[in-house]
Protein backbone atom coordinates (compact mmCIF):
# COMPACT_ATOMS: atom_id res chain seq x y z
CA UNK A 1 17.30 2.55 -14.09
CA UNK A 2 14.07 0.72 -14.89
CA UNK A 3 11.20 0.90 -12.43
CA UNK A 4 8.32 -1.50 -12.76
CA UNK A 5 5.19 -1.89 -10.69
CA UNK A 6 2.97 -4.85 -11.57
CA UNK A 7 -0.08 -6.35 -9.94
CA UNK A 8 -2.21 -9.48 -10.28
CA UNK A 9 -5.27 -9.75 -8.09
CA UNK A 10 -8.44 -11.71 -7.67
CA UNK A 11 -11.58 -9.71 -6.99
CA UNK A 12 -12.85 -9.07 -3.51
CA UNK A 13 -16.33 -10.44 -2.93
CA UNK A 14 -19.06 -7.84 -3.33
CA UNK A 15 -16.76 -5.59 -5.41
CA UNK A 16 -17.53 -4.81 -9.04
CA UNK A 17 -15.19 -6.14 -11.71
CA UNK A 18 -14.60 -2.82 -13.46
CA UNK A 19 -11.62 -0.91 -14.87
CA UNK A 20 -12.20 1.79 -12.23
CA UNK A 21 -11.36 -0.86 -9.61
CA UNK A 22 -8.17 -2.08 -11.33
CA UNK A 23 -4.75 -1.44 -9.88
CA UNK A 24 -2.30 0.18 -9.93
CA UNK A 25 -4.03 3.43 -9.06
CA UNK A 26 -2.32 6.56 -10.36
CA UNK A 27 -2.11 10.21 -9.41
CA UNK A 28 0.41 12.34 -11.33
CA UNK A 29 3.76 10.48 -10.99
CA UNK A 30 2.52 8.33 -8.13
CA UNK A 31 1.44 4.70 -8.42
CA UNK A 32 -0.16 2.59 -5.71
CA UNK A 33 -1.02 -1.09 -5.27
CA UNK A 34 -2.66 -2.78 -2.31
CA UNK A 35 -2.72 -6.47 -1.43
CA UNK A 36 -5.14 -7.07 1.40
CA UNK A 37 -8.62 -6.09 2.44
CA UNK A 38 -10.72 -4.25 4.93
CA UNK A 39 -13.30 -6.62 6.35
CA UNK A 40 -16.84 -5.74 5.19
CA UNK A 41 -15.48 -2.50 3.73
CA UNK A 42 -18.75 -1.07 2.37
CA UNK A 43 -20.53 -1.69 5.67
CA UNK A 44 -17.71 -0.62 7.99
CA UNK A 45 -14.96 1.83 7.04
CA UNK A 46 -16.09 3.10 3.62
CA UNK A 47 -17.83 6.22 4.91
CA UNK A 48 -15.36 6.68 7.77
CA UNK A 49 -12.39 6.84 5.40
CA UNK A 50 -14.23 9.15 2.99
CA UNK A 51 -14.99 11.56 5.84
CA UNK A 52 -11.24 12.04 6.49
CA UNK A 53 -10.22 12.78 2.89
CA UNK A 54 -9.29 16.18 1.53
CA UNK A 55 -11.94 17.34 -0.94
CA UNK A 56 -9.73 17.01 -4.02
CA UNK A 57 -8.86 13.36 -3.34
CA UNK A 58 -12.42 12.54 -2.29
CA UNK A 59 -13.54 13.72 -5.73
CA UNK A 60 -10.89 11.66 -7.55
CA UNK A 61 -12.24 8.30 -6.33
CA UNK A 62 -13.71 6.55 -9.38
CA UNK A 63 -14.16 3.00 -8.12
CA UNK A 64 -15.54 1.24 -5.09
CA UNK A 65 -12.59 -0.67 -3.67
CA UNK A 66 -10.98 -0.41 -0.27
CA UNK A 67 -7.68 -0.16 -2.15
CA UNK A 68 -8.55 3.07 -3.95
CA UNK A 69 -9.87 4.56 -0.71
CA UNK A 70 -6.61 3.68 1.08
CA UNK A 71 -4.72 5.41 -1.76
CA UNK A 72 -6.94 8.50 -1.45
CA UNK A 73 -6.27 8.55 2.31
CA UNK A 74 -2.52 8.26 1.67
CA UNK A 75 -2.62 11.13 -0.85
CA UNK A 76 -4.68 13.24 1.56
CA UNK A 77 -2.16 12.60 4.34
CA UNK A 78 0.68 13.47 1.96
CA UNK A 79 -1.03 16.76 1.09
CA UNK A 80 -1.79 17.62 4.73
CA UNK A 81 1.82 16.82 5.71
CA UNK A 82 3.42 18.13 2.50
CA UNK A 83 6.69 19.07 4.19
CA UNK A 84 7.12 15.58 5.63
CA UNK A 85 8.49 12.54 3.76
CA UNK A 86 6.10 10.12 2.05
CA UNK A 87 6.96 7.50 4.66
CA UNK A 88 5.36 9.78 7.24
CA UNK A 89 2.15 9.95 5.18
CA UNK A 90 2.10 6.15 4.87
CA UNK A 91 2.72 5.70 8.62
CA UNK A 92 -0.09 8.18 9.40
CA UNK A 93 -2.40 6.39 6.96
CA UNK A 94 -1.69 3.00 8.54
CA UNK A 95 -2.20 4.30 12.07
CA UNK A 96 -5.43 6.03 11.05
CA UNK A 97 -6.73 2.79 9.55
CA UNK A 98 -5.64 0.85 12.64
CA UNK A 99 -7.53 3.24 14.91
CA UNK A 100 -10.65 3.07 12.69
CA UNK A 101 -10.51 -0.73 12.51
CA UNK A 102 -10.26 -1.02 16.29
CA UNK A 103 -13.08 1.47 16.85
CA UNK A 104 -15.40 -0.35 14.43
CA UNK A 105 -14.14 -3.86 15.32
CA UNK A 106 -13.02 -4.92 11.85
CA UNK A 107 -9.86 -6.52 10.59
CA UNK A 108 -7.71 -4.99 7.88
CA UNK A 109 -4.60 -6.12 6.04
CA UNK A 110 -2.75 -3.33 4.29
CA UNK A 111 0.25 -4.50 2.30
CA UNK A 112 0.94 -1.66 -0.10
CA UNK A 113 3.59 -0.51 -2.52
CA UNK A 114 3.66 3.16 -3.40
CA UNK A 115 6.01 4.85 -5.84
CA UNK A 116 6.66 8.51 -6.55
CA UNK A 117 8.71 7.66 -9.65
CA UNK A 118 12.03 7.81 -7.76
CA UNK A 119 11.62 5.28 -4.99
CA UNK A 120 9.32 2.58 -3.67
CA UNK A 121 7.73 2.68 -0.25
CA UNK A 122 6.09 -0.55 0.90
CA UNK A 123 4.32 -1.76 4.00
CA UNK A 124 3.47 -5.10 5.51
CA UNK A 125 0.71 -4.22 7.94
CA UNK A 126 -2.38 -5.73 9.52
CA UNK A 127 -4.65 -4.90 12.41
CA UNK A 128 -4.30 -8.47 13.66
CA UNK A 129 -1.34 -10.84 13.51
CA UNK A 130 -0.10 -12.41 11.35
CA UNK A 131 0.00 -9.87 8.56
CA UNK A 132 -0.12 -11.33 5.04
CA UNK A 133 3.33 -12.19 3.74
CA UNK A 134 5.57 -9.78 1.86
CA UNK A 135 9.14 -10.50 0.72
CA UNK A 136 12.04 -8.68 -0.83
CA UNK A 137 15.24 -9.69 -2.57
CA UNK A 138 18.13 -7.49 -3.67
CA UNK A 139 20.65 -8.19 -6.43
CA UNK A 140 19.25 -11.55 -7.48
CA UNK A 141 21.52 -13.14 -10.13
CA UNK A 142 19.16 -12.34 -13.02
CA UNK A 143 18.29 -8.90 -11.58
CA UNK A 144 21.50 -7.26 -10.42
CA UNK A 145 21.33 -3.75 -8.96
CA UNK A 146 17.63 -4.15 -8.25
CA UNK A 147 15.17 -4.84 -5.46
CA UNK A 148 12.11 -6.98 -6.06
CA UNK A 149 9.15 -6.94 -3.66
CA UNK A 150 6.49 -9.66 -3.88
CA UNK A 151 3.75 -11.28 -1.83
CA UNK A 152 5.51 -14.64 -2.22
CA UNK A 153 8.99 -15.55 -3.48
CA UNK A 154 8.83 -15.59 -7.29
CA UNK A 155 11.89 -17.76 -7.89
CA UNK A 156 14.61 -19.55 -5.92
CA UNK A 157 16.82 -17.07 -4.10
CA UNK A 158 17.54 -15.38 -0.79
CA UNK A 159 14.14 -13.78 -0.24
CA UNK A 160 13.73 -11.97 3.06
CA UNK A 161 10.37 -11.59 4.78
CA UNK A 162 9.34 -8.05 5.68
CA UNK A 163 8.95 -7.64 9.42
CA UNK A 164 5.30 -7.39 10.46
CA UNK A 165 3.95 -3.85 10.73
CA UNK A 166 6.89 -2.29 8.94
CA UNK A 167 7.60 0.23 6.21
CA UNK A 168 10.45 -0.30 3.77
CA UNK A 169 11.80 2.41 1.49
CA UNK A 170 13.84 1.52 -1.60
CA UNK A 171 15.79 4.45 -3.04
CA UNK A 172 17.01 5.11 -6.57
CA UNK A 173 20.27 3.23 -5.95
CA UNK A 174 18.50 0.24 -4.35
CA UNK A 175 19.46 1.43 -0.88
CA UNK A 176 16.90 0.30 1.69
CA UNK A 177 15.56 1.56 4.99
CA UNK A 178 13.30 -0.48 7.26
CA UNK A 179 11.28 0.98 10.12
CA UNK A 180 8.55 -0.34 12.39
CA UNK A 181 5.13 1.33 12.36
């Protein structure tokens, strides 16, 4: 089975164009991409997120993007809750960011795809509605026995929109689970 994670992104204003800020971000077998933004990140949640990180993941941040900080928060949550599934760490991360965004009155959109090398876990999430779009398609004619996740439909087919504020897990055999956050 082939697993592929690809990402094309424009830069966020006020963020350096630097390899340290390029996605996907990697830690061991884990890859992470984020499509979205935290409003005024450097002035709002940057320090707040950093204050919640475990020391090892705090030290691994090389860039300055909200995306890498969200990944560090997810990895910290995974470490803290190491006996829980990765979906639990993602849910906890999203709820932590929601609480921070409300407290500091900022908007955040957090569409992410995270892979541990065996499965994909994705979210369509925002602190205000509507969340940015995210779609999936399974067993497209040119891609049988596969699931494709994209911000917008990439070709003609039966693309299905993720429900807002949801987490979708795609297993090794393309089986899927959808849950609300």
